Amino acid sequence: MPVIEYRCPNCGSGMNFDGNTGMLSCPSCGRQDNIEQIPDPLKKQVFKENEIKSYHCTSCGADLVTDADTSATTCSFCGAAVVLSDRLSGELAPAMVIPFAITKETAKEAFKKWCKNGLLTPSGFMTADRIKEITGIYVPFWLYELHNRIEVHGRATKVRSYTQGDYHYTETQHYEIYRKIRLNYVNLPIDASKKMDDKLMDKLEPFPYNQLKDFKTPYLAGYIAEKYSYTDEELYPRAKEKTRPYIESYIASTVSGYTSVSYTDKQIDTTLKNADYVLLPVWMVYYDFNRTEYTFAMNGQTGKVVGRPPISKAKVAGWFAGVSAVSFLSIKVVAWMMGGGFL
């Protein structure tokens, strides 16, 4: 099976992508090559099988056994970065990639800083000294362009109350409303890996799409990469569902100023204009605490961290006690100002 390795022409060491410089870098002699000037060796071939495959490391000759979704990895014997070219070509070739901008060491320090901000997390967790593993993964996403034609019919009211003389009046005006809206969404990301938690990936947004590069395999050197598990057609329903809250919010913004609004008919016609297969950078952090493993994800460009840390029951109890004490004191102050008291 074809394997791509990037070896340093000077010393023969394996070269990795350096997120700090955006270059293909040799850790041994310091050589750096511009990725845009490196010919991409991928051929237009198609890989459609789903079973586990065996590859040979061209550096040490070891067998590399991967599942069907892995397209870049490192040799567990010699540490060489390898790209499995048959899983990144033909219909499996990504259109674009956002390279890592945050190195592993920077990601580790950023995660430790994030842990220390947890006001209700246990003190032992906040020290962030139990990182079990941190792995850089290029996660497959589909970037959708969706066009929406929306027509809304409904009824609205405006209620005005006023006093005139000895009488209090309530005036209600009724309106028929109609809205015709065009909403287009571009670069709507949906992760296409069955291994990744969809909610976790959604929370990593936004990615800086101005950093998208035409795909070249050297960007993957030194990282793990996955190929998509689902096609753009299979994930299209989820893409439409993801836009619904934004569409509803926009519709609501067009009928502001009324006391009440009720819709009698709402038509949303969504058209898929385009879907690009891209790889986006994610640091996966695995953290051990009290014999339980917690999983966190970090945006490999922005450093945003998402995940659910453990909660300290003692800190939560103390927080509620503090809130209750403040509330009690506030009520006493108000009562004293009003000449009242407590029994």
Protein backbone atom coordinates (compact mmCIF):
# COMPACT_ATOMS: atom_id res chain seq x y z
CA MET A 1 0.00 0.00 0.00
CA PRO A 2 1.35 3.50 -0.86
CA VAL A 3 2.84 5.49 2.00
CA ILE A 4 4.19 9.05 1.75
CA GLU A 5 7.00 10.16 4.06
CA TYR A 6 8.77 13.49 4.00
CA ARG A 7 12.50 13.00 4.61
CA CYS A 8 14.99 15.83 5.05
CA PRO A 9 17.29 16.07 1.97
CA ASN A 10 20.11 17.24 4.24
CA CYS A 11 20.18 14.68 7.06
CA GLY A 12 17.52 12.12 6.15
CA SER A 13 15.38 12.72 9.26
CA GLY A 14 11.60 12.76 9.09
CA MET A 15 10.08 16.21 8.52
CA ASN A 16 6.90 17.50 10.17
CA PHE A 17 4.59 20.44 9.57
CA ASP A 18 5.49 23.34 11.89
CA GLY A 19 2.43 25.33 12.95
CA ASN A 20 4.58 28.26 14.08
CA THR A 21 6.20 28.88 10.70
CA GLY A 22 3.76 27.16 8.32
CA MET A 23 6.72 25.28 6.84
CA LEU A 24 7.75 21.63 6.56
CA SER A 25 10.45 21.44 9.20
CA CYS A 26 13.26 19.05 10.09
CA PRO A 27 13.64 18.71 13.88
CA SER A 28 17.24 17.47 13.50
CA CYS A 29 19.04 19.98 11.28
CA GLY A 30 16.47 22.79 11.24
CA ARG A 31 15.85 22.78 7.48
CA GLN A 32 12.53 24.36 6.50
CA ASP A 33 10.75 23.95 3.15
CA ASN A 34 7.89 26.02 1.75
CA ILE A 35 4.93 23.66 1.35
CA GLU A 36 3.58 25.58 -1.63
CA GLN A 37 6.75 24.72 -3.53
CA ILE A 38 6.68 20.99 -2.75
CA PRO A 39 5.09 18.81 -5.49
CA ASP A 40 2.18 16.79 -4.14
CA PRO A 41 2.74 13.12 -5.03
CA LEU A 42 -0.87 11.99 -4.79
CA LYS A 43 -2.24 10.20 -7.81
CA LYS A 44 -5.87 10.19 -8.90
CA GLN A 45 -6.80 6.88 -7.41
CA VAL A 46 -9.83 5.86 -5.43
CA PHE A 47 -9.98 3.85 -2.21
CA LYS A 48 -13.40 2.49 -1.36
CA GLU A 49 -12.77 -0.52 0.90
CA ASN A 50 -13.69 -0.34 4.57
CA GLU A 51 -11.65 -3.07 6.18
CA ILE A 52 -8.48 -2.62 8.23
CA LYS A 53 -5.40 -2.16 6.06
CA SER A 54 -1.71 -2.83 6.59
CA TYR A 55 0.99 -0.41 5.38
CA HIS A 56 4.77 -0.55 5.54
CA CYS A 57 6.79 2.24 7.10
CA THR A 58 9.40 3.23 4.52
CA SER A 59 11.67 4.47 7.30
CA CYS A 60 12.04 1.36 9.46
CA GLY A 61 10.06 -1.27 7.52
CA ALA A 62 7.52 -1.90 10.29
CA ASP A 63 3.94 -2.82 9.46
CA LEU A 64 1.45 -0.04 10.17
CA VAL A 65 -2.04 -1.33 10.85
CA THR A 66 -4.77 1.32 10.68
CA ASP A 67 -8.53 1.36 10.52
CA ALA A 68 -10.29 2.43 7.36
CA ASP A 69 -10.79 6.05 8.48
CA THR A 70 -7.14 6.96 9.14
CA SER A 71 -5.35 8.86 6.39
CA ALA A 72 -2.27 10.16 8.26
CA THR A 73 -0.50 8.83 11.34
CA THR A 74 2.91 8.22 12.89
CA CYS A 75 4.88 4.98 13.00
CA SER A 76 4.62 3.56 16.52
CA PHE A 77 8.08 1.99 16.13
CA CYS A 78 10.28 4.82 14.82
CA GLY A 79 7.97 7.83 15.15
CA ALA A 80 8.11 8.73 11.46
CA ALA A 81 5.20 10.80 10.13
CA VAL A 82 3.40 8.93 7.33
CA VAL A 83 0.56 9.87 5.00
CA LEU A 84 -1.57 7.08 3.50
CA SER A 85 -1.93 8.47 0.00
CA ASP A 86 -4.65 6.15 -1.27
CA ARG A 87 -7.00 7.55 1.37
CA LEU A 88 -6.47 11.14 0.28
CA SER A 89 -6.84 10.89 -3.47
CA GLY A 90 -9.60 10.74 -6.04
CA GLU A 91 -13.01 11.22 -4.46
CA LEU A 92 -11.35 11.09 -1.02
CA ALA A 93 -9.09 14.06 -1.68
CA PRO A 94 -9.93 17.07 0.53
CA ALA A 95 -10.43 20.34 -1.33
CA MET A 96 -8.84 22.48 1.39
CA VAL A 97 -7.21 22.39 4.81
CA ILE A 98 -6.75 24.82 7.68
CA PRO A 99 -3.25 24.08 9.02
CA PHE A 100 -2.42 23.91 12.72
CA ALA A 101 -1.31 27.28 14.09
CA ILE A 102 -0.86 26.06 17.67
CA THR A 103 1.98 23.68 18.52
CA LYS A 104 1.65 20.79 20.94
CA GLU A 105 3.53 22.60 23.72
CA THR A 106 1.47 25.76 23.25
CA ALA A 107 -1.72 23.68 23.28
CA LYS A 108 -0.66 22.02 26.53
CA GLU A 109 0.04 25.36 28.22
CA ALA A 110 -3.23 26.84 26.94
CA PHE A 111 -5.14 23.85 28.31
CA LYS A 112 -3.50 24.22 31.73
CA LYS A 113 -4.46 27.90 31.79
CA TRP A 114 -8.04 26.99 30.85
CA CYS A 115 -8.25 24.44 33.68
CA LYS A 116 -7.23 27.08 36.24
CA ASN A 117 -10.24 29.21 35.27
CA GLY A 118 -12.74 26.59 36.46
CA LEU A 119 -14.38 28.25 39.46
CA LEU A 120 -16.41 25.17 40.40
CA THR A 121 -13.92 22.45 39.41
CA PRO A 122 -11.97 20.50 42.04
CA SER A 123 -8.64 22.03 43.09
CA GLY A 124 -6.79 18.91 41.98
CA PHE A 125 -8.22 19.23 38.49
CA MET A 126 -7.27 22.90 38.25
CA THR A 127 -3.57 22.08 38.54
CA ALA A 128 -3.83 20.43 35.09
CA ASP A 129 -0.97 18.04 35.85
CA ARG A 130 -2.74 14.83 34.80
CA ILE A 131 -2.75 15.15 31.02
CA LYS A 132 -2.70 11.59 29.77
CA GLU A 133 -2.35 12.37 26.09
CA ILE A 134 -2.68 15.27 23.67
CA THR A 135 -3.10 14.46 19.99
CA GLY A 136 -3.27 16.68 16.94
CA ILE A 137 -5.96 15.48 14.55
CA TYR A 138 -7.13 16.84 11.22
CA VAL A 139 -10.87 16.22 11.48
CA PRO A 140 -12.88 15.83 8.25
CA PHE A 141 -15.65 18.39 7.78
CA TRP A 142 -18.07 19.28 5.03
CA LEU A 143 -18.39 23.03 4.47
CA TYR A 144 -21.87 23.69 3.10
CA GLU A 145 -23.26 26.58 1.14
CA LEU A 146 -27.03 26.64 1.67
CA HIS A 147 -29.50 29.05 0.08
CA ASN A 148 -32.86 29.55 1.80
CA ARG A 149 -36.06 31.01 0.37
CA ILE A 150 -38.45 31.88 3.18
CA GLU A 151 -42.05 33.06 3.15
CA VAL A 152 -43.90 33.85 6.37
CA HIS A 153 -47.56 34.74 6.96
CA GLY A 154 -48.89 35.64 10.38
CA ARG A 155 -50.79 37.98 12.65
CA ALA A 156 -49.47 40.52 15.12
CA THR A 157 -50.81 42.90 17.72
CA LYS A 158 -49.71 46.16 19.30
CA VAL A 159 -51.18 46.87 22.72
CA ARG A 160 -51.13 50.34 24.25
CA SER A 161 -52.44 51.24 27.69
CA TYR A 162 -53.11 54.76 28.90
CA THR A 163 -55.15 56.71 31.45
CA GLN A 164 -57.47 59.57 30.60
CA GLY A 165 -59.34 61.24 33.39
CA ASP A 166 -60.80 58.63 35.69
CA TYR A 167 -60.59 55.89 33.09
CA HIS A 168 -57.81 53.44 32.13
CA TYR A 169 -57.83 52.35 28.48
CA THR A 170 -56.22 49.40 26.66
CA GLU A 171 -55.99 49.77 22.91
CA THR A 172 -55.17 46.75 20.75
CA GLN A 173 -54.26 47.08 17.07
CA HIS A 174 -54.23 44.00 14.80
CA TYR A 175 -51.94 43.48 11.80
CA GLU A 176 -51.51 40.95 9.02
CA ILE A 177 -47.81 40.33 8.45
CA TYR A 178 -45.97 38.90 5.45
CA ARG A 179 -42.23 38.44 5.01
CA LYS A 180 -40.30 37.20 1.99
CA ILE A 181 -36.68 36.51 2.92
CA ARG A 182 -33.54 35.21 1.20
CA LEU A 183 -30.88 33.84 3.55
CA ASN A 184 -27.63 32.30 2.28
CA TYR A 185 -25.17 30.49 4.52
CA VAL A 186 -21.58 29.81 3.44
CA ASN A 187 -18.88 27.78 5.18
CA LEU A 188 -21.38 25.98 7.41
CA PRO A 189 -19.24 23.24 9.04
CA ILE A 190 -20.50 19.73 9.80
CA ASP A 191 -17.97 17.20 11.07
CA ALA A 192 -17.94 14.04 8.97
CA SER A 193 -16.13 11.64 11.32
CA LYS A 194 -18.11 9.01 13.16
CA LYS A 195 -15.40 8.97 15.85
CA MET A 196 -15.91 12.58 16.87
CA ASP A 197 -18.59 13.89 19.24
CA ASP A 198 -20.79 16.16 17.11
CA LYS A 199 -21.65 18.48 20.00
CA LEU A 200 -18.00 18.85 20.95
CA MET A 201 -17.02 19.67 17.36
CA ASP A 202 -19.87 22.20 17.02
CA LYS A 203 -18.66 24.06 20.11
CA LEU A 204 -15.18 24.49 18.62
CA GLU A 205 -16.52 26.97 16.09
CA PRO A 206 -15.76 29.36 14.65
CA PHE A 207 -12.73 28.34 12.58
CA PRO A 208 -10.90 31.12 10.70
CA TYR A 209 -11.92 30.22 7.15
CA ASN A 210 -9.66 32.94 5.76
CA GLN A 211 -6.85 30.51 6.67
CA LEU A 212 -8.11 27.79 4.30
CA LYS A 213 -5.35 26.49 2.03
CA ASP A 214 -5.52 24.30 -1.05
CA PHE A 215 -4.90 20.79 0.23
CA LYS A 216 -1.35 19.48 0.14
CA THR A 217 -0.18 16.35 1.98
CA PRO A 218 2.82 18.02 3.73
CA TYR A 219 0.37 19.85 6.02
CA LEU A 220 -0.47 16.46 7.55
CA ALA A 221 3.11 15.45 8.37
CA GLY A 222 3.39 14.81 12.11
CA TYR A 223 -0.34 14.73 12.76
CA ILE A 224 -3.14 12.19 12.63
CA ALA A 225 -5.76 12.71 9.95
CA GLU A 226 -9.12 11.05 9.42
CA LYS A 227 -11.07 10.64 6.20
CA TYR A 228 -14.78 11.30 6.12
CA SER A 229 -17.20 8.64 7.35
CA TYR A 230 -20.29 10.28 5.84
CA THR A 231 -20.87 11.90 2.47
CA ASP A 232 -22.19 15.43 2.06
CA GLU A 233 -25.58 13.99 0.99
CA GLU A 234 -25.81 11.93 4.18
CA LEU A 235 -25.08 14.95 6.39
CA TYR A 236 -27.23 17.40 4.43
CA PRO A 237 -30.27 16.94 6.77
CA ARG A 238 -28.08 17.80 9.77
CA ALA A 239 -26.73 20.88 7.97
CA LYS A 240 -30.28 22.10 7.34
CA GLU A 241 -31.25 21.44 10.95
CA LYS A 242 -28.22 23.37 12.17
CA THR A 243 -29.36 26.52 10.34
CA ARG A 244 -32.92 26.40 11.72
CA PRO A 245 -32.28 28.35 14.97
CA TYR A 246 -30.51 31.11 12.99
CA ILE A 247 -33.34 31.27 10.45
CA GLU A 248 -35.95 31.46 13.22
CA SER A 249 -33.97 34.19 14.96
CA TYR A 250 -33.70 36.20 11.75
CA ILE A 251 -37.44 35.88 11.07
CA ALA A 252 -38.16 37.08 14.61
CA SER A 253 -35.89 40.10 14.05
CA THR A 254 -38.01 41.17 11.07
CA VAL A 255 -41.21 41.32 13.13
CA SER A 256 -39.90 43.13 16.19
CA GLY A 257 -41.88 45.98 17.72
CA TYR A 258 -45.13 44.07 18.10
CA THR A 259 -46.67 43.01 21.41
CA SER A 260 -47.45 39.54 20.10
CA VAL A 261 -46.79 37.61 16.89
CA SER A 262 -48.30 34.31 15.74
CA TYR A 263 -47.45 32.60 12.45
CA THR A 264 -50.17 31.08 10.31
CA ASP A 265 -47.82 29.74 7.63
CA LYS A 266 -44.04 29.45 7.39
CA GLN A 267 -42.31 28.01 4.31
CA ILE A 268 -38.54 27.42 4.30
CA ASP A 269 -37.12 26.09 1.03
CA THR A 270 -33.44 25.15 1.35
CA THR A 271 -31.16 24.48 -1.63
CA LEU A 272 -27.71 22.91 -1.41
CA LYS A 273 -25.46 25.01 -3.65
CA ASN A 274 -22.09 23.49 -2.74
CA ALA A 275 -20.28 21.26 -0.24
CA ASP A 276 -16.49 21.18 0.11
CA TYR A 277 -14.59 18.43 1.87
CA VAL A 278 -12.00 20.02 4.19
CA LEU A 279 -9.72 19.05 7.06
CA LEU A 280 -9.79 21.25 10.19
CA PRO A 281 -7.19 21.20 13.01
CA VAL A 282 -8.20 19.89 16.44
CA TRP A 283 -6.11 19.05 19.49
CA MET A 284 -7.72 16.24 21.47
CA VAL A 285 -6.78 16.30 25.16
CA TYR A 286 -7.29 13.23 27.35
CA TYR A 287 -7.12 13.99 31.07
CA ASP A 288 -7.12 11.57 34.03
CA PHE A 289 -8.73 12.70 37.27
CA ASN A 290 -9.89 10.47 40.14
CA ARG A 291 -9.55 7.36 37.95
CA THR A 292 -11.87 8.84 35.30
CA GLU A 293 -10.79 9.97 31.83
CA TYR A 294 -12.15 13.29 30.57
CA THR A 295 -12.00 14.30 26.92
CA PHE A 296 -11.53 17.89 25.77
CA ALA A 297 -11.02 19.43 22.35
CA MET A 298 -9.09 22.53 21.35
CA ASN A 299 -9.41 24.52 18.14
CA GLY A 300 -5.98 24.12 16.50
CA GLN A 301 -6.09 27.67 15.13
CA THR A 302 -7.79 29.78 17.81
CA GLY A 303 -6.98 27.83 20.99
CA LYS A 304 -10.63 27.65 22.08
CA VAL A 305 -11.14 24.75 24.54
CA VAL A 306 -14.40 22.84 24.94
CA GLY A 307 -15.42 19.93 27.12
CA ARG A 308 -17.13 19.12 30.38
CA PRO A 309 -14.81 19.19 33.42
CA PRO A 310 -15.69 17.59 36.78
CA ILE A 311 -17.61 19.70 39.30
CA SER A 312 -16.65 20.03 42.97
CA LYS A 313 -19.69 19.40 45.17
CA ALA A 314 -18.04 21.30 48.01
CA LYS A 315 -17.47 24.38 45.82
CA VAL A 316 -21.04 24.22 44.48
CA ALA A 317 -22.40 24.02 48.04
CA GLY A 318 -20.19 26.94 49.06
CA TRP A 319 -21.34 28.97 46.05
CA PHE A 320 -25.01 28.40 46.88
CA ALA A 321 -24.37 29.24 50.51
CA GLY A 322 -22.71 32.49 49.45
CA VAL A 323 -25.57 33.39 47.11
CA SER A 324 -28.13 32.60 49.81
CA ALA A 325 -26.27 34.74 52.35
CA VAL A 326 -26.08 37.69 49.95
CA SER A 327 -29.78 37.32 49.06
CA PHE A 328 -30.74 37.14 52.75
CA LEU A 329 -28.69 40.24 53.54
CA SER A 330 -30.19 42.13 50.58
CA ILE A 331 -33.73 41.33 51.71
CA LYS A 332 -32.93 42.48 55.25
CA VAL A 333 -31.54 45.77 53.94
CA VAL A 334 -34.63 46.35 51.78
CA ALA A 335 -36.91 45.49 54.69
CA TRP A 336 -35.01 47.84 57.01
CA MET A 337 -35.29 50.65 54.45
CA MET A 338 -39.02 50.03 54.24
CA GLY A 339 -39.38 49.97 58.04
CA GLY A 340 -40.07 46.26 58.21
CA GLY A 341 -38.30 43.35 59.85
CA PHE A 342 -37.94 39.57 60.04
CA LEU A 343 -39.41 37.12 62.50
